[in-house]
Amino acid sequence: MPAIRLPDGPSTPPIVQSLEMLVARTRTVRRLYDRFGSAFTMHMPRFGRSIVLADPDEIKAVFTAGTGVVANPDASLGDFFGPGSLFAVEGDEHRRQRKLLTPPFHGRRLSAYEALVEEETLREVATWPVGTEFATMDSMMRITLNVILRAVFGAEGAELEQLRKLLPKLVWIASALAATSVPEGMFGRIGPWARFRSYRQTYDEIVGRLIDRTIDDERISDRDDVLAMLLQARHDDGSTLSRSEIADELLTLLTAGHETTATTLAWTIERLRRHPDVLRRLVAEVDAGGSELRSATLLEVQRVRPVLDLAVRQVRAESMQVGRWTLPRGQKIMISIQLMHDNEKLFPNARAFDPDRFLGSRPGTFSGIPFGGGYRRCIGAAFATMEMNIVLRTLLREFELVPTTAPDERRHFRGVALAPAKKGRAVVYPRSARHVVPESDRAAEATA
């Protein structure tokens, strides 16, 4: 076995390093990058000794390594989504399940969801206050939750209403547990894990009823929702997914396709209010029926404000050579999405918000990585991209978004996602009303 070689890192106590990452993740990794370079070692109670990587070649080596070399860490999101979740399985089973889950989120089926996204967006924005500053993130959460619920389960019903109330609670407690690492046995029947198990049991009961109803549906073959497709799906050997596997997979899709997309949309509002020139060009493009700048803007928002700033892997082989480093079996690897997106060689003037950098081009497979990379790249990336595009198009068509001179909203760690601390605050006026923007708002726009 070759000699182990790990990068240097801070010598502060693990609890201090963990608190720094919890309170000021972006500032912490940037400070450590400035001190130690594109690789450094951290020690944190939840993850133990972890190697943080920001070198493009070394990150590519990790993302392209086989499943026998690297895999999800032992303490993964699979703990919360269940053993049948795409987050929990590895190797051949992961490939089998991913193959079944891919069709609903690509191609013709993907375009079928566009009208649904616009409908839910229009329903939500009809409640927005006019001329009064408000936080957009809760609205974005409702839009993305309603969209994914309808895409996954199809028609409305009592069970979907129950899930609308339950899922935000389930996501919140799971995120808190993932961030704080409260042991599962702690506090017995009254602690956070007990609450999580209660929410999960309720979820399983609701989904069980929906599965029964879908199985009995004589028109199941005509349905486009994910549940109907999974119930009819077959592996290459003719086997089907079990009910528990379906429940786990649907929970994965519902949660992963909900909060992260909504958070990116809130960041989009936050960025556009502080860049009025881009905002004006986007409105003109919408009116002309175009979409190139809008697509570039969403790429740039995800680059400068990645919602998930780390992708975690663990060495499974006896050892693994990653560029300059030789890593032992069990070594945790944190791929820093934020530091990759900060790379001046990949993205000149990287700290600036500049959607024009993506006009006519896209970030590289292993450089712009808001959805992760390799065989575990987010399966819903195409769906999320479509959803954000339709939501932003609808907002720009329906409302005038008033710019601001307020400072940037800081990043707030929510347990899994990095969100704008003030939830993407906005002031809007309906464009259809041909209103006159108050002089105070015009002054703010001119100053911006």
Protein backbone atom coordinates (compact mmCIF):
# COMPACT_ATOMS: atom_id res chain seq x y z
CA MET A 1 0.00 0.00 0.00
CA PRO A 2 1.48 3.41 -0.95
CA ALA A 3 2.29 5.91 1.77
CA ILE A 4 -0.67 8.06 2.76
CA ARG A 5 -0.29 11.73 1.87
CA LEU A 6 -2.89 14.26 3.01
CA PRO A 7 -3.00 18.05 2.68
CA ASP A 8 -2.39 20.37 5.63
CA GLY A 9 -5.22 22.07 7.42
CA PRO A 10 -6.22 24.15 10.47
CA SER A 11 -5.19 22.99 13.93
CA THR A 12 -8.20 24.44 15.75
CA PRO A 13 -10.38 21.97 17.72
CA PRO A 14 -12.92 19.98 15.66
CA ILE A 15 -15.87 21.58 17.41
CA VAL A 16 -14.57 25.03 16.45
CA GLN A 17 -14.12 23.99 12.82
CA SER A 18 -17.63 22.56 12.81
CA LEU A 19 -19.12 25.76 14.24
CA GLU A 20 -17.24 27.86 11.69
CA MET A 21 -18.72 25.78 8.87
CA LEU A 22 -22.17 25.98 10.43
CA VAL A 23 -22.13 29.74 10.94
CA ALA A 24 -20.01 31.03 8.03
CA ARG A 25 -19.37 28.24 5.54
CA THR A 26 -18.45 30.33 2.51
CA ARG A 27 -16.17 32.69 4.42
CA THR A 28 -14.52 29.73 6.18
CA VAL A 29 -13.66 27.72 3.05
CA ARG A 30 -12.44 30.85 1.25
CA ARG A 31 -10.19 31.72 4.20
CA LEU A 32 -8.77 28.19 4.33
CA TYR A 33 -8.25 28.21 0.56
CA ASP A 34 -6.26 31.45 0.85
CA ARG A 35 -4.14 29.91 3.61
CA PHE A 36 -3.63 26.31 2.46
CA GLY A 37 -4.40 26.32 -1.27
CA SER A 38 -6.78 24.17 -3.30
CA ALA A 39 -6.76 21.24 -0.86
CA PHE A 40 -6.89 21.17 2.93
CA THR A 41 -7.82 18.82 5.75
CA MET A 42 -10.60 19.60 8.23
CA HIS A 43 -11.75 17.75 11.35
CA MET A 44 -15.44 17.99 12.27
CA PRO A 45 -17.50 15.88 14.69
CA ARG A 46 -20.05 14.80 12.07
CA PHE A 47 -17.65 13.84 9.31
CA GLY A 48 -14.39 13.20 11.16
CA ARG A 49 -11.26 13.91 9.16
CA SER A 50 -12.28 15.26 5.76
CA ILE A 51 -10.23 16.37 2.76
CA VAL A 52 -11.65 19.47 1.06
CA LEU A 53 -10.79 19.66 -2.66
CA ALA A 54 -11.04 22.65 -5.02
CA ASP A 55 -8.59 21.75 -7.79
CA PRO A 56 -10.50 21.02 -11.05
CA ASP A 57 -8.33 18.04 -12.04
CA GLU A 58 -8.53 16.46 -8.60
CA ILE A 59 -12.29 16.96 -8.46
CA LYS A 60 -12.66 15.37 -11.89
CA ALA A 61 -10.65 12.38 -10.66
CA VAL A 62 -13.08 11.88 -7.77
CA PHE A 63 -16.22 12.33 -9.88
CA THR A 64 -15.03 9.89 -12.54
CA ALA A 65 -13.76 7.21 -10.15
CA GLY A 66 -15.66 3.92 -10.18
CA THR A 67 -18.10 2.87 -7.50
CA GLY A 68 -15.57 0.41 -6.12
CA VAL A 69 -13.17 3.29 -5.49
CA VAL A 70 -15.45 6.00 -4.05
CA ALA A 71 -19.06 6.01 -2.87
CA ASN A 72 -21.48 7.94 -0.72
CA PRO A 73 -20.26 8.28 2.87
CA ASP A 74 -21.67 5.97 5.53
CA ALA A 75 -23.51 8.87 7.16
CA SER A 76 -25.50 10.04 4.15
CA LEU A 77 -28.91 11.48 3.35
CA GLY A 78 -30.02 7.89 2.84
CA ASP A 79 -30.43 7.80 6.62
CA PHE A 80 -33.40 10.12 6.22
CA PHE A 81 -34.90 9.01 2.90
CA GLY A 82 -34.84 5.27 3.65
CA PRO A 83 -32.85 2.23 2.47
CA GLY A 84 -34.64 2.16 -0.89
CA SER A 85 -33.70 5.73 -1.74
CA LEU A 86 -31.38 6.58 -4.60
CA PHE A 87 -29.22 8.31 -1.96
CA ALA A 88 -28.79 5.06 0.00
CA VAL A 89 -28.00 2.45 -2.67
CA GLU A 90 -24.70 1.90 -4.46
CA GLY A 91 -23.22 0.00 -7.38
CA ASP A 92 -25.50 -2.07 -9.61
CA GLU A 93 -28.57 -1.29 -7.52
CA HIS A 94 -27.95 2.43 -7.89
CA ARG A 95 -27.66 2.08 -11.67
CA ARG A 96 -30.84 -0.02 -11.83
CA GLN A 97 -32.89 2.48 -9.85
CA ARG A 98 -31.48 5.50 -11.65
CA LYS A 99 -32.45 3.92 -14.96
CA LEU A 100 -36.06 3.62 -13.76
CA LEU A 101 -36.22 7.16 -12.40
CA THR A 102 -34.64 8.98 -15.35
CA PRO A 103 -37.48 8.91 -17.97
CA PRO A 104 -40.00 11.15 -16.12
CA PHE A 105 -37.49 14.01 -15.95
CA HIS A 106 -36.25 14.15 -19.53
CA GLY A 107 -37.39 14.69 -23.10
CA ARG A 108 -41.06 14.74 -24.04
CA ARG A 109 -42.29 14.07 -20.52
CA LEU A 110 -40.29 17.02 -19.21
CA SER A 111 -41.97 19.46 -21.61
CA ALA A 112 -45.36 18.16 -20.50
CA TYR A 113 -44.76 19.68 -17.06
CA GLU A 114 -44.18 23.25 -18.30
CA ALA A 115 -47.86 24.24 -18.23
CA LEU A 116 -48.13 22.83 -14.70
CA VAL A 117 -45.23 25.02 -13.54
CA GLU A 118 -46.74 28.16 -15.03
CA GLU A 119 -50.13 27.39 -13.53
CA GLU A 120 -48.71 26.97 -10.02
CA THR A 121 -46.60 30.12 -10.41
CA LEU A 122 -49.58 32.23 -11.46
CA ARG A 123 -51.64 30.83 -8.58
CA GLU A 124 -48.99 31.79 -6.04
CA VAL A 125 -47.99 35.22 -7.36
CA ALA A 126 -51.64 36.30 -7.38
CA THR A 127 -51.23 36.54 -3.58
CA TRP A 128 -48.15 38.77 -3.67
CA PRO A 129 -48.44 42.22 -2.04
CA VAL A 130 -48.07 45.19 -4.36
CA GLY A 131 -45.52 47.87 -3.53
CA THR A 132 -44.60 46.36 -0.16
CA GLU A 133 -41.33 44.53 0.48
CA PHE A 134 -41.78 40.84 1.25
CA ALA A 135 -39.72 37.63 1.38
CA THR A 136 -40.09 35.53 -1.75
CA MET A 137 -38.61 32.27 -0.53
CA ASP A 138 -41.76 30.99 1.17
CA SER A 139 -43.66 31.61 -2.05
CA MET A 140 -41.00 29.80 -4.06
CA MET A 141 -41.25 26.90 -1.62
CA ARG A 142 -45.00 26.65 -2.19
CA ILE A 143 -44.59 26.81 -5.97
CA THR A 144 -41.93 24.10 -6.13
CA LEU A 145 -43.71 21.89 -3.59
CA ASN A 146 -47.01 22.07 -5.49
CA VAL A 147 -45.24 21.42 -8.79
CA ILE A 148 -43.33 18.37 -7.57
CA LEU A 149 -46.38 16.96 -5.76
CA ARG A 150 -48.46 17.18 -8.91
CA ALA A 151 -45.66 15.86 -11.10
CA VAL A 152 -45.10 12.92 -8.76
CA PHE A 153 -48.68 12.03 -7.84
CA GLY A 154 -50.83 13.53 -10.60
CA ALA A 155 -54.28 14.87 -9.75
CA GLU A 156 -55.21 16.83 -6.65
CA GLY A 157 -56.73 15.09 -3.64
CA ALA A 158 -56.99 14.96 0.14
CA GLU A 159 -53.71 13.06 0.39
CA LEU A 160 -51.84 15.71 -1.58
CA GLU A 161 -53.16 18.39 0.76
CA GLN A 162 -51.92 16.34 3.72
CA LEU A 163 -48.51 16.03 2.07
CA ARG A 164 -48.38 19.80 1.47
CA LYS A 165 -48.62 20.30 5.22
CA LEU A 166 -46.40 17.39 6.20
CA LEU A 167 -43.41 17.66 3.85
CA PRO A 168 -42.11 21.08 4.98
CA LYS A 169 -42.03 19.75 8.57
CA LEU A 170 -40.33 16.55 7.47
CA VAL A 171 -37.72 18.42 5.41
CA TRP A 172 -37.04 20.87 8.24
CA ILE A 173 -36.44 18.23 10.91
CA ALA A 174 -34.33 16.10 8.55
CA SER A 175 -32.19 19.12 7.65
CA ALA A 176 -31.71 19.99 11.32
CA LEU A 177 -30.69 16.43 12.17
CA ALA A 178 -28.31 16.27 9.21
CA ALA A 179 -26.64 19.52 10.32
CA THR A 180 -26.36 18.85 14.05
CA SER A 181 -25.78 15.08 14.14
CA VAL A 182 -28.05 14.41 17.10
CA PRO A 183 -27.60 10.67 17.85
CA GLU A 184 -30.65 8.64 16.90
CA GLY A 185 -31.12 7.18 20.37
CA MET A 186 -30.88 10.52 22.19
CA PHE A 187 -33.97 11.76 24.10
CA GLY A 188 -35.90 8.54 23.48
CA ARG A 189 -39.52 9.11 22.53
CA ILE A 190 -39.59 12.89 22.79
CA GLY A 191 -36.53 14.01 20.83
CA PRO A 192 -36.07 15.15 17.24
CA TRP A 193 -35.55 11.62 15.94
CA ALA A 194 -38.87 10.58 17.48
CA ARG A 195 -40.56 13.48 15.72
CA PHE A 196 -38.85 12.56 12.46
CA ARG A 197 -40.00 8.93 12.75
CA SER A 198 -43.56 10.09 13.44
CA TYR A 199 -43.56 12.32 10.35
CA ARG A 200 -42.09 9.50 8.28
CA GLN A 201 -44.75 7.05 9.47
CA THR A 202 -47.48 9.51 8.51
CA TYR A 203 -45.84 9.99 5.11
CA ASP A 204 -45.70 6.22 4.50
CA GLU A 205 -49.39 5.87 5.37
CA ILE A 206 -50.40 8.63 2.95
CA VAL A 207 -48.25 7.27 0.14
CA GLY A 208 -49.60 3.77 0.78
CA ARG A 209 -53.13 5.02 0.13
CA LEU A 210 -51.99 6.79 -3.04
CA ILE A 211 -50.28 3.63 -4.27
CA ASP A 212 -53.45 1.60 -3.69
CA ARG A 213 -55.54 4.15 -5.55
CA THR A 214 -53.11 4.29 -8.48
CA ILE A 215 -52.95 0.49 -8.79
CA ASP A 216 -56.76 0.43 -9.04
CA ASP A 217 -56.83 3.18 -11.67
CA GLU A 218 -57.98 1.68 -14.98
CA ARG A 219 -56.25 4.53 -16.86
CA ILE A 220 -52.89 4.12 -15.16
CA SER A 221 -51.15 3.56 -18.50
CA ASP A 222 -52.32 6.99 -19.72
CA ARG A 223 -50.96 8.88 -16.73
CA ASP A 224 -47.79 11.01 -16.84
CA ASP A 225 -47.12 11.25 -13.10
CA VAL A 226 -44.05 9.60 -11.60
CA LEU A 227 -45.98 7.32 -9.23
CA ALA A 228 -47.89 5.72 -12.10
CA MET A 229 -44.67 5.27 -14.07
CA LEU A 230 -42.84 3.65 -11.15
CA LEU A 231 -45.68 1.22 -10.50
CA GLN A 232 -45.50 0.11 -14.14
CA ALA A 233 -41.70 0.17 -14.43
CA ARG A 234 -39.71 -3.04 -14.76
CA HIS A 235 -36.05 -3.76 -14.27
CA ASP A 236 -34.20 -5.61 -17.03
CA ASP A 237 -34.98 -8.90 -15.28
CA GLY A 238 -38.70 -8.09 -15.15
CA SER A 239 -38.78 -7.31 -11.41
CA THR A 240 -40.62 -4.31 -9.99
CA LEU A 241 -39.92 -1.85 -7.22
CA SER A 242 -41.37 -2.79 -3.82
CA ARG A 243 -43.85 -0.49 -2.10
CA SER A 244 -41.22 0.59 0.43
CA GLU A 245 -38.71 1.32 -2.36
CA ILE A 246 -41.32 3.43 -4.16
CA ALA A 247 -42.11 5.34 -0.96
CA ASP A 248 -38.38 6.00 -0.39
CA GLU A 249 -37.80 7.10 -3.99
CA LEU A 250 -40.80 9.42 -3.99
CA LEU A 251 -39.65 11.04 -0.75
CA THR A 252 -36.23 11.56 -2.33
CA LEU A 253 -37.78 13.24 -5.38
CA LEU A 254 -40.20 15.33 -3.33
CA THR A 255 -37.59 16.75 -0.96
CA ALA A 256 -34.61 17.02 -3.31
CA GLY A 257 -36.82 18.59 -6.00
CA HIS A 258 -38.41 21.11 -3.70
CA GLU A 259 -36.18 23.10 -1.33
CA THR A 260 -33.08 23.44 -3.52
CA THR A 261 -35.02 24.73 -6.53
CA ALA A 262 -36.99 27.18 -4.41
CA THR A 263 -33.81 28.45 -2.77
CA THR A 264 -32.14 29.07 -6.14
CA LEU A 265 -35.20 31.05 -7.25
CA ALA A 266 -35.01 33.18 -4.09
CA TRP A 267 -31.32 33.82 -4.82
CA THR A 268 -32.29 34.80 -8.38
CA ILE A 269 -34.60 37.50 -7.06
CA GLU A 270 -31.89 38.66 -4.65
CA ARG A 271 -29.27 38.92 -7.43
CA LEU A 272 -31.50 40.60 -10.03
CA ARG A 273 -32.66 43.35 -7.67
CA ARG A 274 -28.99 44.30 -7.26
CA HIS A 275 -28.23 44.21 -11.00
CA PRO A 276 -30.83 46.42 -12.70
CA ASP A 277 -29.12 46.36 -16.11
CA VAL A 278 -29.44 42.59 -16.27
CA LEU A 279 -33.02 42.86 -15.01
CA ARG A 280 -33.99 45.34 -17.75
CA ARG A 281 -32.46 43.15 -20.45
CA LEU A 282 -34.30 40.11 -19.12
CA VAL A 283 -37.65 41.90 -19.25
CA ALA A 284 -36.99 43.03 -22.82
CA GLU A 285 -36.05 39.46 -23.76
CA VAL A 286 -39.24 38.04 -22.24
CA ASP A 287 -41.33 40.59 -24.15
CA ALA A 288 -39.56 39.56 -27.36
CA GLY A 289 -40.13 35.86 -26.71
CA GLY A 290 -36.46 35.02 -26.14
CA SER A 291 -34.78 32.89 -23.49
CA GLU A 292 -30.98 32.88 -23.99
CA LEU A 293 -30.16 35.52 -21.40
CA ARG A 294 -32.63 33.98 -18.95
CA SER A 295 -30.91 30.60 -19.22
CA ALA A 296 -27.50 32.27 -18.81
CA THR A 297 -28.75 34.18 -15.77
CA LEU A 298 -29.92 31.02 -14.01
CA LEU A 299 -26.55 29.39 -14.70
CA GLU A 300 -24.77 32.40 -13.23
CA VAL A 301 -27.00 32.49 -10.13
CA GLN A 302 -26.16 28.84 -9.50
CA ARG A 303 -22.48 29.60 -9.98
CA VAL A 304 -22.20 32.57 -7.61
CA ARG A 305 -24.79 31.32 -5.09
CA PRO A 306 -24.69 27.51 -5.14
CA VAL A 307 -27.40 26.19 -2.86
CA LEU A 308 -25.44 23.01 -2.16
CA ASP A 309 -21.81 23.99 -1.72
CA LEU A 310 -20.29 20.59 -0.96
CA ALA A 311 -20.47 17.14 -2.54
CA VAL A 312 -19.27 14.40 -0.20
CA ARG A 313 -17.65 11.08 -1.13
CA GLN A 314 -15.77 8.37 0.77
CA VAL A 315 -12.87 6.19 -0.36
CA ARG A 316 -13.90 2.53 -0.66
CA ALA A 317 -10.70 1.13 -2.19
CA GLU A 318 -7.64 0.19 -0.12
CA SER A 319 -6.22 3.57 -1.15
CA MET A 320 -6.89 6.18 -3.80
CA GLN A 321 -4.54 8.48 -5.66
CA VAL A 322 -6.08 11.91 -6.24
CA GLY A 323 -3.57 14.22 -7.88
CA ARG A 324 -0.99 15.11 -5.25
CA TRP A 325 -2.67 13.09 -2.49
CA THR A 326 -2.84 9.44 -1.50
CA LEU A 327 -6.01 8.79 0.48
CA PRO A 328 -6.67 5.76 2.72
CA ARG A 329 -9.77 3.57 2.79
CA GLY A 330 -12.62 5.33 4.58
CA GLN A 331 -11.28 8.84 3.92
CA LYS A 332 -14.06 11.43 3.55
CA ILE A 333 -13.72 13.80 0.59
CA MET A 334 -15.57 17.12 0.41
CA ILE A 335 -15.69 18.60 -3.08
CA SER A 336 -16.08 22.35 -2.64
CA ILE A 337 -18.57 23.52 -5.23
CA GLN A 338 -18.20 27.10 -3.98
CA LEU A 339 -14.42 27.16 -4.40
CA MET A 340 -14.68 25.60 -7.86
CA HIS A 341 -17.09 28.34 -8.88
CA ASP A 342 -14.68 30.94 -7.42
CA ASN A 343 -11.83 29.71 -9.64
CA GLU A 344 -10.45 32.68 -11.63
CA LYS A 345 -8.90 30.42 -14.29
CA LEU A 346 -12.28 28.85 -15.02
CA PHE A 347 -14.40 31.97 -14.49
CA PRO A 348 -12.51 35.28 -14.89
CA ASN A 349 -13.68 37.94 -12.42
CA ALA A 350 -15.33 35.06 -10.60
CA ARG A 351 -16.83 37.02 -7.69
CA ALA A 352 -18.81 39.25 -10.10
CA PHE A 353 -22.37 38.42 -11.14
CA ASP A 354 -22.10 38.35 -14.93
CA PRO A 355 -24.66 36.24 -16.86
CA ASP A 356 -23.03 37.32 -20.15
CA ARG A 357 -20.23 34.83 -19.47
CA PHE A 358 -22.70 32.05 -20.34
CA LEU A 359 -24.29 33.59 -23.44
CA GLY A 360 -23.69 31.06 -26.18
CA SER A 361 -21.76 28.74 -23.87
CA ARG A 362 -22.19 26.56 -20.81
CA PRO A 363 -19.90 25.77 -17.89
CA GLY A 364 -17.81 22.63 -18.22
CA THR A 365 -19.01 19.30 -16.86
CA PHE A 366 -16.44 19.40 -14.07
CA SER A 367 -16.25 23.16 -13.47
CA GLY A 368 -19.83 24.42 -13.10
CA ILE A 369 -21.23 21.79 -10.74
CA PRO A 370 -24.30 23.11 -8.86
CA PHE A 371 -25.96 19.70 -9.32
CA GLY A 372 -22.86 17.73 -8.33
CA GLY A 373 -21.07 15.42 -10.73
CA GLY A 374 -20.27 11.90 -11.74
CA TYR A 375 -22.68 9.00 -11.43
CA ARG A 376 -24.43 10.76 -8.52
CA ARG A 377 -25.18 14.00 -10.32
CA CYS A 378 -28.69 15.17 -9.39
CA ILE A 379 -31.18 13.11 -11.40
CA GLY A 380 -33.65 16.00 -11.42
CA ALA A 381 -31.24 18.61 -12.83
CA ALA A 382 -33.11 18.95 -16.14
CA PHE A 383 -36.46 19.18 -14.35
CA ALA A 384 -35.16 21.84 -11.94
CA THR A 385 -33.66 23.86 -14.80
CA MET A 386 -36.95 23.78 -16.71
CA GLU A 387 -38.91 24.74 -13.59
CA MET A 388 -36.68 27.71 -12.72
CA ASN A 389 -36.82 28.95 -16.32
CA ILE A 390 -40.63 28.85 -16.44
CA VAL A 391 -41.03 30.46 -13.00
CA LEU A 392 -38.62 33.29 -13.83
CA ARG A 393 -40.23 33.85 -17.24
CA THR A 394 -43.66 34.09 -15.65
CA LEU A 395 -42.51 36.51 -12.94
CA LEU A 396 -40.80 38.83 -15.43
CA ARG A 397 -43.85 38.79 -17.69
CA GLU A 398 -46.34 39.49 -14.91
CA PHE A 399 -44.44 41.82 -12.55
CA GLU A 400 -42.03 44.70 -12.46
CA LEU A 401 -39.33 43.84 -9.94
CA VAL A 402 -38.01 46.97 -8.24
CA PRO A 403 -34.18 47.15 -7.86
CA THR A 404 -32.57 47.93 -4.53
CA THR A 405 -29.40 49.49 -3.13
CA ALA A 406 -29.57 47.27 -0.01
CA PRO A 407 -26.47 45.21 0.81
CA ASP A 408 -26.29 41.67 -0.53
CA GLU A 409 -28.22 39.18 1.54
CA ARG A 410 -25.76 36.99 3.39
CA ARG A 411 -25.74 33.22 3.04
CA HIS A 412 -27.68 31.33 5.71
CA PHE A 413 -27.07 27.60 6.22
CA ARG A 414 -30.37 25.74 6.65
CA GLY A 415 -28.94 22.31 7.43
CA VAL A 416 -28.60 21.22 3.79
CA ALA A 417 -29.05 24.31 1.62
CA LEU A 418 -27.46 27.77 1.68
CA ALA A 419 -30.29 30.30 1.43
CA PRO A 420 -30.49 34.11 1.40
CA ALA A 421 -30.66 35.17 5.04
CA LYS A 422 -33.63 37.47 4.42
CA LYS A 423 -35.31 34.96 2.10
CA GLY A 424 -34.88 36.93 -1.10
CA ARG A 425 -36.83 40.08 -0.35
CA ALA A 426 -38.63 41.85 -3.19
CA VAL A 427 -40.89 44.76 -4.11
CA VAL A 428 -43.14 44.16 -7.11
CA TYR A 429 -45.82 45.90 -9.18
CA PRO A 430 -48.04 44.15 -11.73
CA ARG A 431 -47.00 45.06 -15.25
CA SER A 432 -50.53 44.64 -16.58
CA ALA A 433 -51.78 47.49 -14.37
CA ARG A 434 -49.54 50.02 -16.16
CA HIS A 435 -48.86 51.55 -12.76
CA VAL A 436 -46.64 54.48 -11.90
CA VAL A 437 -43.73 53.39 -9.71
CA PRO A 438 -43.50 55.62 -6.60
CA GLU A 439 -40.73 58.21 -6.67
CA SER A 440 -38.90 56.52 -3.78
CA ASP A 441 -38.64 53.27 -5.71
CA ARG A 442 -37.51 55.12 -8.85
CA ALA A 443 -34.76 56.78 -6.82
CA ALA A 444 -33.61 53.41 -5.52
CA GLU A 445 -33.54 52.04 -9.06
CA ALA A 446 -31.53 54.99 -10.36
CA THR A 447 -29.02 54.71 -7.53
CA ALA A 448 -28.64 50.98 -8.10
